[in-house]
Amino acid sequence: MVRLPKNLSNTLSFTSGVVKTGASTLETELLGEKAYSLGLAAKSVEKALAKLNAYKGAESDRARLVQPTADAVHAFFIQREMMGFTDHNHPIEYYKIPNDVLSRVGSKL
């Protein structure tokens, strides 16, 4: 027969101090990995937007840069949603994401 633990918290208390459990350590590591992957996605958006904004050629050729930028923005939005950030208005304004990119992502401000 399996017995439930008496203490369901993420830390254990002893007279010598508080010791983290394996679960709380794992949660800390996972949070760090999520933050790192969100940072990588944000850098990808910055690079794609920099390429798109630096292009000075014909408008028809610019369209070839819009889709990769939209893909980077879409991946960034998905990563944000996985972390619980469902409102994308702030990053849209912060990164100044153009409307032609947002229309391909399916988002709008």
N, C-alpha and C. Protein backbone atom coordinates (compact mmCIF):
# COMPACT_ATOMS: atom_id res chain seq x y z
N MET A 1 0.85 -1.17 0.00
CA MET A 1 0.00 0.00 0.00
C MET A 1 0.89 1.24 0.00
N VAL A 2 0.55 2.22 -0.85
CA VAL A 2 1.32 3.45 -0.96
C VAL A 2 0.76 4.48 -0.01
N ARG A 3 1.63 5.11 0.74
CA ARG A 3 1.22 6.12 1.71
C ARG A 3 1.58 7.50 1.16
N LEU A 4 0.69 8.46 1.25
CA LEU A 4 0.94 9.82 0.82
C LEU A 4 1.95 10.48 1.74
N PRO A 5 2.79 11.36 1.17
CA PRO A 5 3.74 12.07 2.04
C PRO A 5 3.01 13.03 2.97
N LYS A 6 3.57 13.23 4.14
CA LYS A 6 2.96 14.13 5.11
C LYS A 6 3.22 15.58 4.76
N ASN A 7 4.32 15.85 4.04
CA ASN A 7 4.68 17.21 3.69
C ASN A 7 4.63 17.33 2.17
N LEU A 8 3.74 18.16 1.64
CA LEU A 8 3.60 18.32 0.20
C LEU A 8 4.27 19.59 -0.31
N SER A 9 5.07 20.25 0.50
CA SER A 9 5.73 21.48 0.05
C SER A 9 6.97 21.14 -0.78
N ASN A 10 7.54 22.16 -1.42
CA ASN A 10 8.74 21.97 -2.23
C ASN A 10 10.03 22.03 -1.42
N THR A 11 9.94 22.30 -0.14
CA THR A 11 11.13 22.37 0.69
C THR A 11 10.94 21.50 1.92
N LEU A 12 12.04 21.09 2.47
CA LEU A 12 12.01 20.32 3.70
C LEU A 12 12.63 21.17 4.80
N SER A 13 12.04 21.17 5.96
CA SER A 13 12.58 21.95 7.08
C SER A 13 13.24 21.01 8.08
N PHE A 14 14.45 21.37 8.43
CA PHE A 14 15.17 20.65 9.45
C PHE A 14 15.63 21.68 10.48
N THR A 15 16.11 21.19 11.59
CA THR A 15 16.60 22.13 12.61
C THR A 15 17.83 22.90 12.10
N SER A 16 18.55 22.34 11.13
CA SER A 16 19.74 23.00 10.60
C SER A 16 19.40 23.99 9.48
N GLY A 17 18.17 24.00 9.00
CA GLY A 17 17.78 24.94 7.95
C GLY A 17 16.82 24.30 6.97
N VAL A 18 16.61 24.99 5.85
CA VAL A 18 15.67 24.53 4.81
C VAL A 18 16.46 23.91 3.67
N VAL A 19 16.02 22.74 3.22
CA VAL A 19 16.67 22.04 2.12
C VAL A 19 15.67 21.94 0.97
N LYS A 20 16.13 22.29 -0.23
CA LYS A 20 15.26 22.18 -1.40
C LYS A 20 15.09 20.71 -1.77
N THR A 21 13.90 20.38 -2.24
CA THR A 21 13.65 19.02 -2.70
C THR A 21 14.05 18.91 -4.16
N GLY A 22 14.04 17.71 -4.68
CA GLY A 22 14.35 17.49 -6.09
C GLY A 22 13.35 18.17 -7.00
N ALA A 23 12.08 18.21 -6.59
CA ALA A 23 11.04 18.82 -7.41
C ALA A 23 11.26 20.32 -7.55
N SER A 24 11.61 20.99 -6.47
CA SER A 24 11.82 22.44 -6.56
C SER A 24 13.07 22.77 -7.36
N THR A 25 14.08 21.92 -7.27
CA THR A 25 15.29 22.12 -8.06
C THR A 25 14.98 21.94 -9.54
N LEU A 26 14.20 20.95 -9.86
CA LEU A 26 13.80 20.71 -11.25
C LEU A 26 12.97 21.87 -11.78
N GLU A 27 12.05 22.39 -10.99
CA GLU A 27 11.24 23.53 -11.40
C GLU A 27 12.12 24.75 -11.70
N THR A 28 13.13 24.97 -10.89
CA THR A 28 14.05 26.08 -11.11
C THR A 28 14.82 25.90 -12.41
N GLU A 29 15.29 24.69 -12.67
CA GLU A 29 16.01 24.40 -13.91
C GLU A 29 15.10 24.59 -15.12
N LEU A 30 13.88 24.11 -15.04
CA LEU A 30 12.94 24.25 -16.16
C LEU A 30 12.62 25.70 -16.43
N LEU A 31 12.45 26.49 -15.40
CA LEU A 31 12.18 27.91 -15.57
C LEU A 31 13.36 28.60 -16.25
N GLY A 32 14.56 28.23 -15.88
CA GLY A 32 15.75 28.78 -16.53
C GLY A 32 15.82 28.42 -18.01
N GLU A 33 15.48 27.19 -18.34
CA GLU A 33 15.49 26.75 -19.74
C GLU A 33 14.42 27.49 -20.54
N LYS A 34 13.24 27.70 -19.94
CA LYS A 34 12.18 28.44 -20.63
C LYS A 34 12.62 29.88 -20.91
N ALA A 35 13.24 30.50 -19.93
CA ALA A 35 13.71 31.88 -20.09
C ALA A 35 14.79 31.95 -21.17
N TYR A 36 15.68 30.99 -21.19
CA TYR A 36 16.74 30.96 -22.20
C TYR A 36 16.16 30.81 -23.60
N SER A 37 15.19 29.88 -23.76
CA SER A 37 14.60 29.67 -25.08
C SER A 37 13.78 30.88 -25.53
N LEU A 38 13.16 31.58 -24.59
CA LEU A 38 12.43 32.80 -24.94
C LEU A 38 13.42 33.87 -25.40
N GLY A 39 14.56 33.96 -24.76
CA GLY A 39 15.59 34.90 -25.18
C GLY A 39 16.12 34.59 -26.57
N LEU A 40 16.33 33.30 -26.87
CA LEU A 40 16.77 32.92 -28.21
C LEU A 40 15.73 33.29 -29.26
N ALA A 41 14.47 33.06 -28.96
CA ALA A 41 13.40 33.40 -29.90
C ALA A 41 13.34 34.92 -30.12
N ALA A 42 13.54 35.68 -29.06
CA ALA A 42 13.53 37.14 -29.18
C ALA A 42 14.70 37.62 -30.04
N LYS A 43 15.88 37.02 -29.87
CA LYS A 43 17.03 37.39 -30.70
C LYS A 43 16.79 37.06 -32.17
N SER A 44 16.11 35.96 -32.42
CA SER A 44 15.77 35.58 -33.78
C SER A 44 14.83 36.62 -34.42
N VAL A 45 13.88 37.10 -33.63
CA VAL A 45 12.96 38.14 -34.11
C VAL A 45 13.75 39.42 -34.41
N GLU A 46 14.64 39.80 -33.52
CA GLU A 46 15.43 41.01 -33.72
C GLU A 46 16.27 40.93 -34.99
N LYS A 47 16.91 39.79 -35.23
CA LYS A 47 17.73 39.62 -36.43
C LYS A 47 16.88 39.69 -37.70
N ALA A 48 15.74 38.99 -37.69
CA ALA A 48 14.88 38.98 -38.87
C ALA A 48 14.31 40.37 -39.15
N LEU A 49 13.92 41.09 -38.11
CA LEU A 49 13.40 42.44 -38.30
C LEU A 49 14.51 43.39 -38.77
N ALA A 50 15.71 43.22 -38.30
CA ALA A 50 16.82 44.06 -38.73
C ALA A 50 17.09 43.86 -40.22
N LYS A 51 17.06 42.60 -40.68
CA LYS A 51 17.23 42.31 -42.10
C LYS A 51 16.12 42.94 -42.93
N LEU A 52 14.90 42.78 -42.45
CA LEU A 52 13.74 43.32 -43.16
C LEU A 52 13.79 44.84 -43.22
N ASN A 53 14.12 45.48 -42.14
CA ASN A 53 14.16 46.94 -42.10
C ASN A 53 15.35 47.52 -42.86
N ALA A 54 16.43 46.75 -43.00
CA ALA A 54 17.61 47.23 -43.71
C ALA A 54 17.47 47.10 -45.22
N TYR A 55 16.52 46.30 -45.67
CA TYR A 55 16.36 46.09 -47.12
C TYR A 55 15.86 47.36 -47.78
N LYS A 56 16.56 47.80 -48.83
CA LYS A 56 16.22 49.04 -49.53
C LYS A 56 15.85 48.79 -50.99
N GLY A 57 15.67 47.55 -51.39
CA GLY A 57 15.39 47.23 -52.79
C GLY A 57 13.92 47.36 -53.14
N ALA A 58 13.55 46.67 -54.20
CA ALA A 58 12.17 46.71 -54.70
C ALA A 58 11.21 46.09 -53.70
N GLU A 59 10.01 46.63 -53.69
CA GLU A 59 8.99 46.15 -52.76
C GLU A 59 8.64 44.69 -53.02
N SER A 60 8.65 44.27 -54.28
CA SER A 60 8.33 42.88 -54.60
C SER A 60 9.38 41.92 -54.04
N ASP A 61 10.65 42.36 -54.03
CA ASP A 61 11.71 41.52 -53.47
C ASP A 61 11.68 41.52 -51.94
N ARG A 62 11.15 42.57 -51.35
CA ARG A 62 11.03 42.66 -49.88
C ARG A 62 10.11 41.56 -49.36
N ALA A 63 9.14 41.19 -50.19
CA ALA A 63 8.17 40.16 -49.78
C ALA A 63 8.86 38.84 -49.44
N ARG A 64 10.03 38.58 -50.06
CA ARG A 64 10.75 37.34 -49.74
C ARG A 64 11.31 37.35 -48.33
N LEU A 65 11.53 38.53 -47.77
CA LEU A 65 12.03 38.63 -46.40
C LEU A 65 10.92 38.63 -45.36
N VAL A 66 9.69 38.87 -45.81
CA VAL A 66 8.57 38.97 -44.87
C VAL A 66 8.25 37.61 -44.25
N GLN A 67 8.25 36.55 -45.06
CA GLN A 67 7.88 35.23 -44.54
C GLN A 67 8.85 34.71 -43.48
N PRO A 68 10.17 34.79 -43.69
CA PRO A 68 11.08 34.35 -42.61
C PRO A 68 10.92 35.18 -41.33
N THR A 69 10.63 36.46 -41.51
CA THR A 69 10.40 37.31 -40.34
C THR A 69 9.13 36.88 -39.63
N ALA A 70 8.09 36.60 -40.40
CA ALA A 70 6.83 36.13 -39.81
C ALA A 70 7.01 34.81 -39.09
N ASP A 71 7.84 33.93 -39.65
CA ASP A 71 8.11 32.64 -38.99
C ASP A 71 8.80 32.85 -37.65
N ALA A 72 9.77 33.78 -37.60
CA ALA A 72 10.47 34.06 -36.34
C ALA A 72 9.52 34.67 -35.31
N VAL A 73 8.67 35.58 -35.76
CA VAL A 73 7.70 36.21 -34.84
C VAL A 73 6.70 35.17 -34.34
N HIS A 74 6.25 34.29 -35.22
CA HIS A 74 5.31 33.24 -34.84
C HIS A 74 5.91 32.31 -33.78
N ALA A 75 7.16 31.91 -33.98
CA ALA A 75 7.85 31.05 -33.01
C ALA A 75 8.00 31.77 -31.67
N PHE A 76 8.29 33.06 -31.72
CA PHE A 76 8.42 33.87 -30.50
C PHE A 76 7.08 33.94 -29.76
N PHE A 77 6.00 34.16 -30.50
CA PHE A 77 4.68 34.23 -29.87
C PHE A 77 4.30 32.90 -29.24
N ILE A 78 4.61 31.81 -29.91
CA ILE A 78 4.31 30.48 -29.36
C ILE A 78 5.09 30.26 -28.07
N GLN A 79 6.37 30.63 -28.07
CA GLN A 79 7.20 30.47 -26.87
C GLN A 79 6.63 31.29 -25.72
N ARG A 80 6.19 32.53 -26.02
CA ARG A 80 5.59 33.38 -24.99
C ARG A 80 4.32 32.74 -24.44
N GLU A 81 3.49 32.19 -25.33
CA GLU A 81 2.25 31.57 -24.88
C GLU A 81 2.51 30.35 -24.02
N MET A 82 3.55 29.60 -24.33
CA MET A 82 3.90 28.44 -23.51
C MET A 82 4.31 28.84 -22.11
N MET A 83 4.79 30.07 -21.96
CA MET A 83 5.20 30.57 -20.64
C MET A 83 4.06 31.31 -19.95
N GLY A 84 2.90 31.41 -20.61
CA GLY A 84 1.74 32.03 -19.99
C GLY A 84 1.51 33.48 -20.38
N PHE A 85 2.32 34.01 -21.30
CA PHE A 85 2.14 35.38 -21.77
C PHE A 85 1.27 35.37 -23.02
N THR A 86 -0.01 35.61 -22.87
CA THR A 86 -0.92 35.50 -24.00
C THR A 86 -1.18 36.82 -24.71
N ASP A 87 -0.83 37.94 -24.09
CA ASP A 87 -1.03 39.24 -24.71
C ASP A 87 0.25 39.63 -25.45
N HIS A 88 0.14 39.80 -26.76
CA HIS A 88 1.31 40.11 -27.58
C HIS A 88 1.41 41.59 -27.95
N ASN A 89 0.58 42.42 -27.39
CA ASN A 89 0.60 43.83 -27.75
C ASN A 89 1.92 44.50 -27.39
N HIS A 90 2.47 44.20 -26.22
CA HIS A 90 3.73 44.82 -25.82
C HIS A 90 4.89 44.47 -26.76
N PRO A 91 5.13 43.18 -27.08
CA PRO A 91 6.24 42.90 -28.00
C PRO A 91 6.01 43.46 -29.40
N ILE A 92 4.75 43.53 -29.84
CA ILE A 92 4.47 44.10 -31.15
C ILE A 92 4.88 45.56 -31.18
N GLU A 93 4.56 46.27 -30.13
CA GLU A 93 4.94 47.68 -30.04
C GLU A 93 6.45 47.83 -29.80
N TYR A 94 7.02 47.02 -28.93
CA TYR A 94 8.44 47.12 -28.57
C TYR A 94 9.33 46.87 -29.79
N TYR A 95 9.05 45.80 -30.53
CA TYR A 95 9.86 45.45 -31.69
C TYR A 95 9.42 46.16 -32.96
N LYS A 96 8.31 46.91 -32.88
CA LYS A 96 7.77 47.63 -34.04
C LYS A 96 7.58 46.67 -35.22
N ILE A 97 6.85 45.60 -34.97
CA ILE A 97 6.62 44.57 -35.98
C ILE A 97 5.66 45.13 -37.03
N PRO A 98 6.06 45.15 -38.30
CA PRO A 98 5.21 45.73 -39.35
C PRO A 98 3.93 44.93 -39.57
N ASN A 99 2.94 45.61 -40.11
CA ASN A 99 1.64 44.98 -40.35
C ASN A 99 1.70 43.84 -41.35
N ASP A 100 2.57 43.94 -42.37
CA ASP A 100 2.64 42.85 -43.34
C ASP A 100 3.19 41.57 -42.71
N VAL A 101 4.03 41.70 -41.70
CA VAL A 101 4.52 40.53 -40.96
C VAL A 101 3.40 39.99 -40.06
N LEU A 102 2.73 40.90 -39.35
CA LEU A 102 1.65 40.47 -38.45
C LEU A 102 0.51 39.79 -39.21
N SER A 103 0.23 40.24 -40.41
CA SER A 103 -0.85 39.62 -41.18
C SER A 103 -0.51 38.18 -41.55
N ARG A 104 0.77 37.92 -41.76
CA ARG A 104 1.18 36.53 -42.05
C ARG A 104 1.15 35.66 -40.81
N VAL A 105 1.37 36.26 -39.66
CA VAL A 105 1.33 35.52 -38.39
C VAL A 105 -0.11 35.27 -37.99
N GLY A 106 -0.99 36.18 -38.40
CA GLY A 106 -2.39 36.06 -38.02
C GLY A 106 -2.69 36.85 -36.75
N SER A 107 -1.86 37.84 -36.48
CA SER A 107 -2.04 38.67 -35.30
C SER A 107 -2.22 40.10 -35.74
N LYS A 108 -2.78 40.89 -34.84
CA LYS A 108 -2.91 42.32 -35.12
C LYS A 108 -2.85 43.08 -33.82
N LEU A 109 -2.50 44.33 -33.91
CA LEU A 109 -2.41 45.16 -32.71
C LEU A 109 -3.73 45.81 -32.42
